[in-house]
N, C-alpha and C. Protein backbone atom coordinates (compact mmCIF):
# COMPACT_ATOMS: atom_id res chain seq x y z
N MET A 1 11.63 14.42 12.52
CA MET A 1 10.29 14.98 12.48
C MET A 1 9.86 15.28 13.91
N THR A 2 9.18 16.35 14.06
CA THR A 2 8.72 16.72 15.39
C THR A 2 7.33 16.20 15.63
N PHE A 3 7.03 15.95 16.90
CA PHE A 3 5.69 15.54 17.26
C PHE A 3 4.80 16.75 17.30
N ARG A 4 3.59 16.58 16.90
CA ARG A 4 2.59 17.62 17.07
C ARG A 4 1.26 16.96 17.26
N LYS A 5 0.34 17.71 17.73
CA LYS A 5 -1.00 17.17 17.94
C LYS A 5 -1.69 17.05 16.60
N ALA A 6 -2.40 15.97 16.39
CA ALA A 6 -3.16 15.78 15.16
C ALA A 6 -4.48 16.51 15.29
N ALA A 7 -4.84 17.23 14.26
CA ALA A 7 -6.11 17.98 14.29
C ALA A 7 -7.26 17.05 13.97
N THR A 8 -8.34 17.21 14.68
CA THR A 8 -9.54 16.48 14.36
C THR A 8 -10.31 17.27 13.32
N GLN A 9 -11.40 16.72 12.80
CA GLN A 9 -12.18 17.43 11.80
C GLN A 9 -12.72 18.74 12.33
N SER A 10 -12.98 18.83 13.61
CA SER A 10 -13.48 20.07 14.18
C SER A 10 -12.37 21.09 14.39
N GLY A 11 -11.12 20.67 14.16
CA GLY A 11 -10.00 21.58 14.28
C GLY A 11 -9.32 21.54 15.64
N SER A 12 -9.90 20.87 16.62
CA SER A 12 -9.26 20.78 17.92
C SER A 12 -8.18 19.71 17.89
N ALA A 13 -7.26 19.79 18.81
CA ALA A 13 -6.15 18.84 18.84
C ALA A 13 -6.56 17.55 19.51
N SER A 14 -6.04 16.45 19.02
CA SER A 14 -6.26 15.15 19.64
C SER A 14 -4.93 14.68 20.22
N ALA A 15 -4.81 13.40 20.50
CA ALA A 15 -3.59 12.86 21.09
C ALA A 15 -2.40 13.08 20.16
N GLU A 16 -1.21 13.13 20.75
CA GLU A 16 -0.01 13.28 19.94
C GLU A 16 0.17 12.07 19.04
N LEU A 17 0.76 12.33 17.90
CA LEU A 17 1.05 11.24 16.98
C LEU A 17 2.14 10.36 17.56
N ARG A 18 2.06 9.08 17.29
CA ARG A 18 3.08 8.15 17.76
C ARG A 18 4.22 8.10 16.74
N PRO A 19 5.37 7.60 17.15
CA PRO A 19 6.45 7.39 16.18
C PRO A 19 5.99 6.43 15.09
N GLY A 20 6.65 6.49 13.94
CA GLY A 20 6.30 5.59 12.85
C GLY A 20 6.49 4.13 13.22
N ASP A 21 5.64 3.29 12.69
CA ASP A 21 5.67 1.84 12.91
C ASP A 21 6.00 1.18 11.57
N ALA A 22 7.19 0.61 11.47
CA ALA A 22 7.65 0.02 10.21
C ALA A 22 6.74 -1.10 9.72
N ALA A 23 6.19 -1.89 10.63
CA ALA A 23 5.30 -2.98 10.22
C ALA A 23 4.04 -2.43 9.56
N LEU A 24 3.49 -1.36 10.12
CA LEU A 24 2.32 -0.73 9.50
C LEU A 24 2.70 -0.06 8.19
N GLY A 25 3.90 0.50 8.14
CA GLY A 25 4.37 1.11 6.90
C GLY A 25 4.53 0.10 5.79
N LYS A 26 5.01 -1.10 6.13
CA LYS A 26 5.16 -2.15 5.12
C LYS A 26 3.81 -2.51 4.53
N LYS A 27 2.78 -2.53 5.36
CA LYS A 27 1.43 -2.80 4.85
C LYS A 27 0.94 -1.64 3.99
N ALA A 28 1.23 -0.42 4.42
CA ALA A 28 0.75 0.77 3.71
C ALA A 28 1.35 0.90 2.32
N VAL A 29 2.59 0.43 2.13
CA VAL A 29 3.23 0.60 0.81
C VAL A 29 2.77 -0.44 -0.21
N LYS A 30 1.89 -1.33 0.17
CA LYS A 30 1.40 -2.31 -0.80
C LYS A 30 0.76 -1.61 -2.00
N VAL A 31 0.10 -0.49 -1.77
CA VAL A 31 -0.49 0.26 -2.87
C VAL A 31 0.61 0.83 -3.78
N CYS A 32 1.77 1.12 -3.22
CA CYS A 32 2.89 1.67 -3.97
C CYS A 32 3.55 0.62 -4.86
N ALA A 33 3.36 -0.66 -4.52
CA ALA A 33 4.01 -1.75 -5.25
C ALA A 33 3.52 -1.89 -6.69
N ALA A 34 2.45 -1.21 -7.03
CA ALA A 34 2.01 -1.21 -8.43
C ALA A 34 3.05 -0.51 -9.30
N CYS A 35 3.79 0.44 -8.72
CA CYS A 35 4.75 1.23 -9.50
C CYS A 35 6.19 1.13 -9.00
N HIS A 36 6.41 0.64 -7.77
CA HIS A 36 7.74 0.61 -7.17
C HIS A 36 8.06 -0.78 -6.63
N THR A 37 9.35 -1.12 -6.60
CA THR A 37 9.81 -2.31 -5.90
C THR A 37 10.58 -1.84 -4.66
N PHE A 38 10.73 -2.73 -3.70
CA PHE A 38 11.32 -2.36 -2.42
C PHE A 38 12.48 -3.28 -2.01
N ASP A 39 12.82 -4.24 -2.85
CA ASP A 39 13.86 -5.19 -2.49
C ASP A 39 15.22 -4.74 -3.03
N GLN A 40 16.28 -5.15 -2.33
CA GLN A 40 17.63 -4.79 -2.75
C GLN A 40 17.88 -5.33 -4.16
N GLY A 41 18.32 -4.48 -5.04
CA GLY A 41 18.57 -4.88 -6.42
C GLY A 41 17.31 -5.01 -7.26
N GLY A 42 16.17 -4.62 -6.69
CA GLY A 42 14.90 -4.72 -7.40
C GLY A 42 14.87 -3.83 -8.63
N ALA A 43 14.05 -4.22 -9.56
CA ALA A 43 13.93 -3.49 -10.81
C ALA A 43 13.18 -2.18 -10.63
N ASN A 44 13.50 -1.25 -11.47
CA ASN A 44 12.68 -0.05 -11.58
C ASN A 44 11.44 -0.44 -12.37
N LYS A 45 10.32 0.14 -12.01
CA LYS A 45 9.08 -0.10 -12.74
C LYS A 45 8.64 1.25 -13.30
N VAL A 46 7.39 1.60 -13.21
CA VAL A 46 6.93 2.93 -13.59
C VAL A 46 7.63 3.96 -12.71
N GLY A 47 7.88 3.59 -11.44
CA GLY A 47 8.65 4.39 -10.50
C GLY A 47 9.93 3.66 -10.16
N PRO A 48 10.88 4.36 -9.55
CA PRO A 48 12.16 3.72 -9.21
C PRO A 48 12.05 2.74 -8.05
N ASN A 49 13.01 1.81 -8.00
CA ASN A 49 13.15 0.94 -6.84
C ASN A 49 13.44 1.82 -5.63
N LEU A 50 12.83 1.50 -4.48
CA LEU A 50 12.95 2.35 -3.30
C LEU A 50 13.83 1.77 -2.20
N PHE A 51 14.52 0.67 -2.49
CA PHE A 51 15.44 0.13 -1.49
C PHE A 51 16.58 1.13 -1.30
N GLY A 52 16.86 1.49 -0.06
CA GLY A 52 17.94 2.41 0.23
C GLY A 52 17.62 3.87 -0.07
N VAL A 53 16.35 4.20 -0.24
CA VAL A 53 15.97 5.57 -0.59
C VAL A 53 16.27 6.56 0.54
N VAL A 54 16.09 6.16 1.79
CA VAL A 54 16.31 7.09 2.91
C VAL A 54 17.80 7.44 2.98
N GLY A 55 18.08 8.71 2.87
CA GLY A 55 19.45 9.20 2.89
C GLY A 55 20.08 9.32 1.52
N ALA A 56 19.44 8.74 0.50
CA ALA A 56 19.97 8.82 -0.86
C ALA A 56 19.65 10.19 -1.46
N LYS A 57 20.42 10.56 -2.46
CA LYS A 57 20.12 11.82 -3.12
C LYS A 57 18.83 11.66 -3.92
N ILE A 58 18.12 12.75 -4.06
CA ILE A 58 16.91 12.74 -4.89
C ILE A 58 17.34 12.42 -6.31
N ALA A 59 16.60 11.54 -6.98
CA ALA A 59 16.92 11.04 -8.33
C ALA A 59 18.13 10.10 -8.27
N HIS A 60 18.11 9.19 -7.31
CA HIS A 60 19.24 8.32 -7.01
C HIS A 60 19.28 7.00 -7.79
N ALA A 61 18.14 6.52 -8.25
CA ALA A 61 18.08 5.16 -8.80
C ALA A 61 18.72 5.10 -10.19
N GLU A 62 19.78 4.31 -10.29
CA GLU A 62 20.46 4.15 -11.57
C GLU A 62 19.53 3.49 -12.58
N GLY A 63 19.55 4.00 -13.79
CA GLY A 63 18.76 3.41 -14.86
C GLY A 63 17.32 3.88 -14.92
N PHE A 64 16.89 4.69 -13.95
CA PHE A 64 15.52 5.19 -13.98
C PHE A 64 15.52 6.57 -14.63
N LYS A 65 14.58 6.78 -15.57
CA LYS A 65 14.48 8.06 -16.26
C LYS A 65 13.56 8.99 -15.46
N TYR A 66 14.17 9.84 -14.67
CA TYR A 66 13.42 10.81 -13.88
C TYR A 66 12.98 11.98 -14.76
N SER A 67 11.90 12.62 -14.36
CA SER A 67 11.50 13.85 -15.03
C SER A 67 12.59 14.89 -14.81
N ASP A 68 12.64 15.88 -15.68
CA ASP A 68 13.61 16.96 -15.51
C ASP A 68 13.44 17.64 -14.16
N ALA A 69 12.19 17.77 -13.71
CA ALA A 69 11.92 18.43 -12.43
C ALA A 69 12.58 17.69 -11.27
N VAL A 70 12.42 16.37 -11.23
CA VAL A 70 13.02 15.59 -10.15
C VAL A 70 14.54 15.53 -10.31
N ALA A 71 15.01 15.30 -11.52
CA ALA A 71 16.45 15.19 -11.75
C ALA A 71 17.18 16.48 -11.38
N GLY A 72 16.54 17.61 -11.56
CA GLY A 72 17.18 18.87 -11.27
C GLY A 72 16.90 19.43 -9.88
N HIS A 73 16.16 18.69 -9.08
CA HIS A 73 15.75 19.22 -7.76
C HIS A 73 16.89 19.34 -6.78
N GLY A 74 17.72 18.33 -6.68
CA GLY A 74 18.79 18.32 -5.68
C GLY A 74 18.28 17.93 -4.31
N GLY A 75 19.19 17.74 -3.39
CA GLY A 75 18.84 17.38 -2.04
C GLY A 75 18.87 15.88 -1.82
N LYS A 76 18.47 15.50 -0.62
CA LYS A 76 18.45 14.08 -0.24
C LYS A 76 17.06 13.69 0.24
N TRP A 77 16.81 12.39 0.19
CA TRP A 77 15.56 11.85 0.71
C TRP A 77 15.70 11.62 2.20
N ASP A 78 15.66 12.69 2.98
CA ASP A 78 15.62 12.56 4.43
C ASP A 78 14.15 12.47 4.85
N ALA A 79 13.91 12.29 6.13
CA ALA A 79 12.54 12.12 6.61
C ALA A 79 11.67 13.33 6.27
N GLY A 80 12.20 14.52 6.37
CA GLY A 80 11.43 15.72 6.05
C GLY A 80 11.03 15.79 4.59
N ASN A 81 11.98 15.52 3.70
CA ASN A 81 11.67 15.56 2.26
C ASN A 81 10.74 14.41 1.87
N LEU A 82 10.93 13.25 2.46
CA LEU A 82 10.02 12.14 2.18
C LEU A 82 8.60 12.49 2.64
N ASP A 83 8.48 13.12 3.79
CA ASP A 83 7.17 13.52 4.28
C ASP A 83 6.51 14.51 3.32
N LYS A 84 7.26 15.49 2.86
CA LYS A 84 6.71 16.46 1.89
C LYS A 84 6.29 15.77 0.60
N TRP A 85 7.12 14.86 0.11
CA TRP A 85 6.81 14.13 -1.12
C TRP A 85 5.57 13.28 -0.94
N LEU A 86 5.53 12.52 0.14
CA LEU A 86 4.39 11.65 0.39
C LEU A 86 3.10 12.44 0.63
N THR A 87 3.22 13.63 1.17
CA THR A 87 2.04 14.46 1.39
C THR A 87 1.43 14.89 0.06
N ASN A 88 2.26 15.39 -0.84
CA ASN A 88 1.78 15.83 -2.14
C ASN A 88 2.97 15.97 -3.09
N PRO A 89 3.23 14.94 -3.90
CA PRO A 89 4.39 14.98 -4.80
C PRO A 89 4.39 16.19 -5.74
N LYS A 90 3.24 16.59 -6.22
CA LYS A 90 3.16 17.72 -7.16
C LYS A 90 3.51 19.04 -6.48
N ASP A 91 3.17 19.20 -5.21
CA ASP A 91 3.54 20.42 -4.49
C ASP A 91 5.02 20.43 -4.15
N PHE A 92 5.57 19.28 -3.77
CA PHE A 92 6.97 19.23 -3.36
C PHE A 92 7.91 19.47 -4.54
N ILE A 93 7.65 18.79 -5.65
CA ILE A 93 8.47 18.98 -6.86
C ILE A 93 7.51 19.18 -8.03
N PRO A 94 7.12 20.42 -8.28
CA PRO A 94 6.23 20.70 -9.41
C PRO A 94 6.85 20.21 -10.72
N GLY A 95 6.02 19.61 -11.55
CA GLY A 95 6.49 19.11 -12.85
C GLY A 95 6.94 17.67 -12.84
N ASN A 96 6.86 16.99 -11.69
CA ASN A 96 7.25 15.58 -11.67
C ASN A 96 6.16 14.74 -12.33
N LYS A 97 6.50 13.49 -12.69
CA LYS A 97 5.57 12.64 -13.43
C LYS A 97 4.74 11.70 -12.56
N MET A 98 4.94 11.72 -11.25
CA MET A 98 4.21 10.80 -10.39
C MET A 98 2.73 11.19 -10.35
N SER A 99 1.87 10.22 -10.64
CA SER A 99 0.44 10.52 -10.71
C SER A 99 -0.28 10.33 -9.38
N TYR A 100 0.39 9.82 -8.37
CA TYR A 100 -0.23 9.58 -7.07
C TYR A 100 -0.47 10.90 -6.36
N ALA A 101 -1.65 11.09 -5.80
CA ALA A 101 -2.03 12.36 -5.18
C ALA A 101 -1.37 12.60 -3.83
N GLY A 102 -0.99 11.55 -3.12
CA GLY A 102 -0.34 11.71 -1.83
C GLY A 102 -1.05 10.98 -0.72
N VAL A 103 -0.41 10.94 0.44
CA VAL A 103 -0.92 10.28 1.64
C VAL A 103 -1.35 11.38 2.60
N LYS A 104 -2.63 11.49 2.84
CA LYS A 104 -3.14 12.59 3.67
C LYS A 104 -2.89 12.38 5.16
N SER A 105 -2.83 11.15 5.61
CA SER A 105 -2.64 10.85 7.02
C SER A 105 -1.17 11.03 7.43
N GLU A 106 -0.92 11.98 8.33
CA GLU A 106 0.44 12.17 8.82
C GLU A 106 0.95 10.91 9.51
N GLN A 107 0.09 10.22 10.24
CA GLN A 107 0.53 9.00 10.92
C GLN A 107 0.94 7.94 9.90
N GLN A 108 0.17 7.80 8.84
CA GLN A 108 0.52 6.80 7.84
C GLN A 108 1.83 7.18 7.13
N ARG A 109 2.07 8.45 6.90
CA ARG A 109 3.34 8.87 6.31
C ARG A 109 4.49 8.52 7.25
N ARG A 110 4.32 8.73 8.54
CA ARG A 110 5.36 8.36 9.52
C ARG A 110 5.64 6.86 9.44
N ASP A 111 4.59 6.06 9.33
CA ASP A 111 4.75 4.60 9.25
C ASP A 111 5.50 4.21 7.97
N ILE A 112 5.15 4.83 6.87
CA ILE A 112 5.82 4.52 5.60
C ILE A 112 7.30 4.89 5.68
N ILE A 113 7.60 6.05 6.21
CA ILE A 113 9.00 6.47 6.34
C ILE A 113 9.75 5.53 7.28
N ALA A 114 9.12 5.10 8.36
CA ALA A 114 9.76 4.14 9.27
C ALA A 114 10.08 2.84 8.52
N TYR A 115 9.18 2.39 7.67
CA TYR A 115 9.45 1.18 6.87
C TYR A 115 10.59 1.42 5.90
N LEU A 116 10.56 2.54 5.18
CA LEU A 116 11.61 2.83 4.22
C LEU A 116 12.98 2.90 4.90
N GLU A 117 13.02 3.36 6.15
CA GLU A 117 14.27 3.42 6.90
C GLU A 117 14.85 2.04 7.18
N THR A 118 14.03 1.00 7.14
CA THR A 118 14.53 -0.37 7.38
C THR A 118 15.17 -0.96 6.13
N LEU A 119 14.96 -0.35 4.99
CA LEU A 119 15.44 -0.90 3.71
C LEU A 119 16.87 -0.43 3.43
N ARG A 120 17.80 -1.09 4.11
CA ARG A 120 19.23 -0.71 3.98
C ARG A 120 20.07 -1.90 3.62
């Protein structure tokens, strides 16, 4: 992911975004734990287990019933695709079943991706 200036509400640029912080990302994903697990060998819930998601193919979790849209998407969960998904799952893969609207803060998405990268 490239660095860029974060826009303020007035539209002017503020300080550059910092690299993702895995510790902050671990805190941020607590809201995700209602539907996902993050531990190695963890169960699928309403959403798939996310251990090892970074670098895995999209629709990677064995035993999880993905929507046709996600199952047929192709590609891998790299940082760019994770950022697009976390920004707005419905825009990234139209027709998916995830009901979460997305993470609007680019910094928080960076933190979440940094945390997910530690789950190997």
